[in-house]
Protein backbone atom coordinates (compact mmCIF):
# COMPACT_ATOMS: atom_id res chain seq x y z
CA MET A 1 -88.04 -25.27 -109.40
CA LYS A 2 -87.37 -28.02 -111.74
CA ILE A 3 -89.02 -27.92 -114.80
CA SER A 4 -89.42 -31.63 -116.65
CA LEU A 5 -87.40 -32.00 -119.64
CA ALA A 6 -90.84 -32.74 -121.77
CA VAL A 7 -92.24 -29.54 -120.66
CA VAL A 8 -89.54 -28.26 -121.99
CA ALA A 9 -89.54 -29.49 -125.37
CA VAL A 10 -93.91 -29.33 -126.20
CA MET A 11 -92.30 -25.07 -125.13
CA LEU A 12 -89.71 -25.53 -127.61
CA ALA A 13 -91.71 -27.15 -130.14
CA ILE A 14 -95.00 -24.60 -129.84
CA GLY A 15 -91.63 -21.52 -130.15
CA LEU A 16 -90.78 -23.40 -133.33
CA SER A 17 -93.32 -23.79 -134.78
CA GLY A 18 -94.33 -20.76 -135.95
CA CYS A 19 -90.60 -19.53 -136.94
CA VAL A 20 -89.56 -22.49 -138.21
CA GLY A 21 -92.64 -23.91 -138.97
CA VAL A 22 -92.31 -21.42 -141.56
CA ALA A 23 -89.38 -22.55 -143.14
CA VAL A 24 -89.71 -26.52 -142.00
CA LYS A 25 -93.51 -25.96 -144.39
CA GLY A 26 -91.77 -24.33 -147.36
CA ALA A 27 -89.38 -27.28 -147.79
CA LYS A 28 -91.77 -30.10 -146.87
CA TYR A 29 -93.92 -28.18 -149.87
CA ALA A 30 -90.74 -27.41 -152.71
CA GLY A 31 -89.87 -31.61 -151.78
CA SER A 32 -93.59 -32.83 -151.94
CA GLN A 33 -94.19 -31.29 -155.44
CA ALA A 34 -90.81 -32.56 -156.26
CA THR A 35 -92.30 -36.22 -155.67
CA ILE A 36 -95.10 -35.09 -157.59
CA ALA A 37 -93.09 -34.42 -160.73
CA GLU A 38 -91.13 -37.04 -160.77
CA ASN A 39 -93.96 -39.42 -160.35
CA GLU A 40 -96.44 -38.20 -162.33
CA ALA A 41 -96.56 -40.19 -165.41
CA ALA A 42 -95.59 -43.11 -164.43
CA ALA A 43 -98.51 -43.34 -162.12
CA ALA A 44 -100.74 -42.55 -164.88
CA ARG A 45 -99.50 -45.20 -166.54
CA GLY A 46 -100.56 -47.38 -163.79
CA ASP A 47 -97.13 -47.65 -161.94
CA ALA A 48 -97.82 -48.77 -158.08
CA LYS A 49 -95.15 -47.67 -156.64
CA ALA A 50 -95.56 -44.21 -158.22
CA GLN A 51 -98.50 -43.45 -157.49
CA TYR A 52 -97.95 -44.89 -153.37
CA GLU A 53 -95.47 -41.86 -153.82
CA LEU A 54 -97.83 -39.36 -155.02
CA GLY A 55 -100.01 -40.08 -152.64
CA ASP A 56 -97.66 -40.12 -149.67
CA ALA A 57 -96.33 -36.38 -151.31
CA TYR A 58 -100.22 -35.12 -151.07
CA CYS A 59 -101.16 -36.89 -147.30
CA CYS A 60 -102.39 -35.81 -145.23
CA SER A 61 -104.87 -32.68 -144.29
CA VAL A 62 -105.89 -32.60 -141.03
CA GLY A 63 -108.61 -30.43 -141.06
CA ALA A 64 -108.95 -28.06 -144.31
CA VAL A 65 -107.04 -28.58 -147.00
CA ASP A 66 -103.56 -26.14 -147.22
CA LEU A 67 -100.56 -25.55 -148.71
CA THR A 68 -99.24 -29.01 -148.35
CA HIS A 69 -102.05 -31.83 -147.64
CA ASP A 70 -104.58 -32.72 -149.29
CA THR A 71 -106.56 -36.01 -147.83
CA VAL A 72 -108.49 -36.02 -151.08
CA LYS A 73 -106.55 -36.50 -153.44
CA ALA A 74 -103.71 -38.32 -151.09
CA THR A 75 -106.81 -41.69 -150.85
CA ALA A 76 -106.98 -40.93 -154.65
CA TRP A 77 -103.07 -41.99 -155.55
CA LEU A 78 -103.41 -44.63 -151.90
CA CYS A 79 -105.84 -46.70 -153.38
CA ARG A 80 -105.27 -47.40 -156.79
CA ALA A 81 -101.61 -48.41 -155.06
CA ALA A 82 -103.49 -50.37 -152.77
CA ARG A 83 -105.16 -51.80 -155.29
CA GLN A 84 -102.94 -53.31 -157.49
CA GLY A 85 -102.14 -55.63 -153.99
CA TYR A 86 -98.82 -52.38 -152.86
CA ALA A 87 -98.17 -52.77 -149.59
CA PRO A 88 -97.28 -49.35 -148.61
CA ALA A 89 -100.38 -48.05 -149.96
CA GLN A 90 -102.39 -50.51 -148.24
CA TYR A 91 -100.00 -50.06 -144.79
CA ARG A 92 -100.67 -45.96 -145.06
CA LEU A 93 -104.60 -46.17 -146.07
CA GLY A 94 -104.99 -48.63 -142.85
CA ARG A 95 -103.58 -45.93 -140.53
CA LEU A 96 -105.39 -43.26 -142.18
CA TYR A 97 -108.79 -44.84 -142.03
CA SER A 98 -107.34 -45.72 -137.91
CA GLY A 99 -107.31 -41.99 -136.95
CA ASN A 100 -103.40 -41.54 -137.85
CA PRO A 101 -102.35 -39.99 -140.74
CA VAL A 102 -99.56 -38.21 -139.46
CA GLU A 103 -96.77 -40.05 -140.86
CA GLY A 104 -93.30 -38.40 -139.48
CA ILE A 105 -92.81 -35.46 -137.22
CA ASP A 106 -94.79 -33.30 -138.61
CA VAL A 107 -95.82 -30.94 -135.16
CA GLN A 108 -98.74 -28.43 -136.85
CA GLN A 109 -99.88 -31.27 -138.00
CA ARG A 110 -100.23 -33.64 -134.71
CA ALA A 111 -101.21 -30.36 -132.67
CA LYS A 112 -104.33 -30.15 -135.18
CA LEU A 113 -105.04 -34.05 -134.44
CA LEU A 114 -104.38 -33.88 -131.04
CA ILE A 115 -107.02 -30.92 -130.70
CA SER A 116 -109.20 -31.62 -133.52
CA GLY A 117 -108.32 -35.65 -134.19
CA ALA A 118 -109.64 -37.32 -137.48
CA PRO A 119 -112.34 -39.59 -139.33
CA LYS A 120 -112.15 -43.13 -138.59
CA ASN A 121 -113.27 -46.97 -140.25
CA LYS A 122 -112.44 -48.75 -137.85
CA PRO A 123 -113.84 -51.78 -140.77
CA LEU A 124 -111.47 -50.28 -143.85
CA ALA A 125 -108.62 -49.91 -141.79
CA LEU A 126 -108.89 -53.09 -140.70
CA MET A 127 -108.81 -54.67 -144.29
CA TRP A 128 -106.47 -52.02 -145.56
CA LEU A 129 -103.98 -52.67 -142.15
CA THR A 130 -104.70 -56.91 -142.80
CA LEU A 131 -103.78 -57.16 -146.57
CA ALA A 132 -100.80 -54.67 -146.00
CA ALA A 133 -99.94 -57.89 -143.44
CA ARG A 134 -100.71 -60.61 -145.80
CA ASN A 135 -98.70 -59.01 -148.06
CA GLY A 136 -95.44 -58.49 -145.90
CA HIS A 137 -95.25 -55.26 -144.19
CA GLY A 138 -93.68 -55.78 -141.34
CA ASP A 139 -94.90 -51.97 -139.47
CA ALA A 140 -98.81 -53.70 -139.96
CA THR A 141 -98.69 -55.96 -137.05
CA SER A 142 -98.73 -53.46 -134.28
CA PRO A 143 -101.43 -50.79 -135.45
CA LEU A 144 -102.76 -54.20 -136.75
CA ALA A 145 -103.53 -55.62 -133.07
CA GLU A 146 -104.04 -52.36 -131.48
CA LEU A 147 -106.51 -51.96 -133.14
CA LYS A 148 -108.26 -54.98 -133.04
CA ARG A 149 -107.87 -54.15 -129.20
CA ASP A 150 -109.90 -51.49 -129.58
CA MET A 151 -112.54 -52.58 -132.17
CA THR A 152 -116.16 -54.33 -130.73
CA ALA A 153 -116.78 -57.51 -132.38
CA GLN A 154 -119.43 -55.80 -134.66
CA GLU A 155 -116.88 -53.27 -136.18
CA GLN A 156 -114.40 -56.09 -136.22
CA GLU A 157 -117.92 -58.15 -138.57
CA ALA A 158 -117.41 -55.71 -140.60
CA GLY A 159 -113.57 -55.61 -141.54
CA GLN A 160 -114.21 -59.36 -142.21
CA THR A 161 -116.67 -58.66 -144.42
CA TYR A 162 -114.92 -56.16 -146.38
CA LEU A 163 -111.80 -58.61 -146.89
CA VAL A 164 -113.93 -61.02 -149.03
CA ASP A 165 -114.65 -58.24 -151.76
CA TRP A 166 -111.76 -55.57 -150.46
CA GLN A 167 -111.25 -54.46 -154.48
CA GLY A 168 -114.57 -52.86 -154.29
CA ALA A 169 -114.69 -51.42 -150.55
CA PRO A 170 -114.99 -48.31 -150.16
CA CYS A 171 -111.43 -46.61 -150.64
CA GLU A 172 -111.36 -42.59 -151.28
CA TRP A 173 -111.64 -40.06 -148.93
CA GLU A 174 -115.35 -38.83 -150.01
CA GLN A 175 -116.30 -42.20 -150.65
CA VAL A 176 -115.66 -43.55 -147.13
CA PHE A 177 -116.48 -40.81 -145.52
CA VAL A 178 -119.61 -39.39 -148.16
CA ALA A 179 -120.43 -35.42 -146.08
CA LYS A 180 -123.86 -35.32 -145.04
């Protein structure tokens, strides 16, 4: 009986996520703390790249806030950078609001995402990905096209409306997903 490579990979990832997951999470936390310390002062002064680095260091929790992720803090810093026209922050917000908050290989966060899903605001995602593409972020083109294929005409119209006054559009997590 042959076991496919994919099944073996999934089993290995699940098995290692317990032991190795703790070490990886600790290393990520240490790296994030170093990034935060290195960029706080510049971000507070309005440096868009430093604001992006802070947002990226905090980004992004799936479900409850954990040791290394805080989506509310992440979007606060990402929004500051994005409103200055910083394309990497605009791209990250577009991915986040399209329901793709996890970047890179983070097995535990990806598993949580598969199980619980992520909140989406497609019109805002369209706005941020469009701005990122206009500002030269090459990676924005593919997720933008994918998002448009997955949107209704009404959602696309709402996204275009946001683009008209993108500086005034809701941005931070708590503005976008108001607690009810």
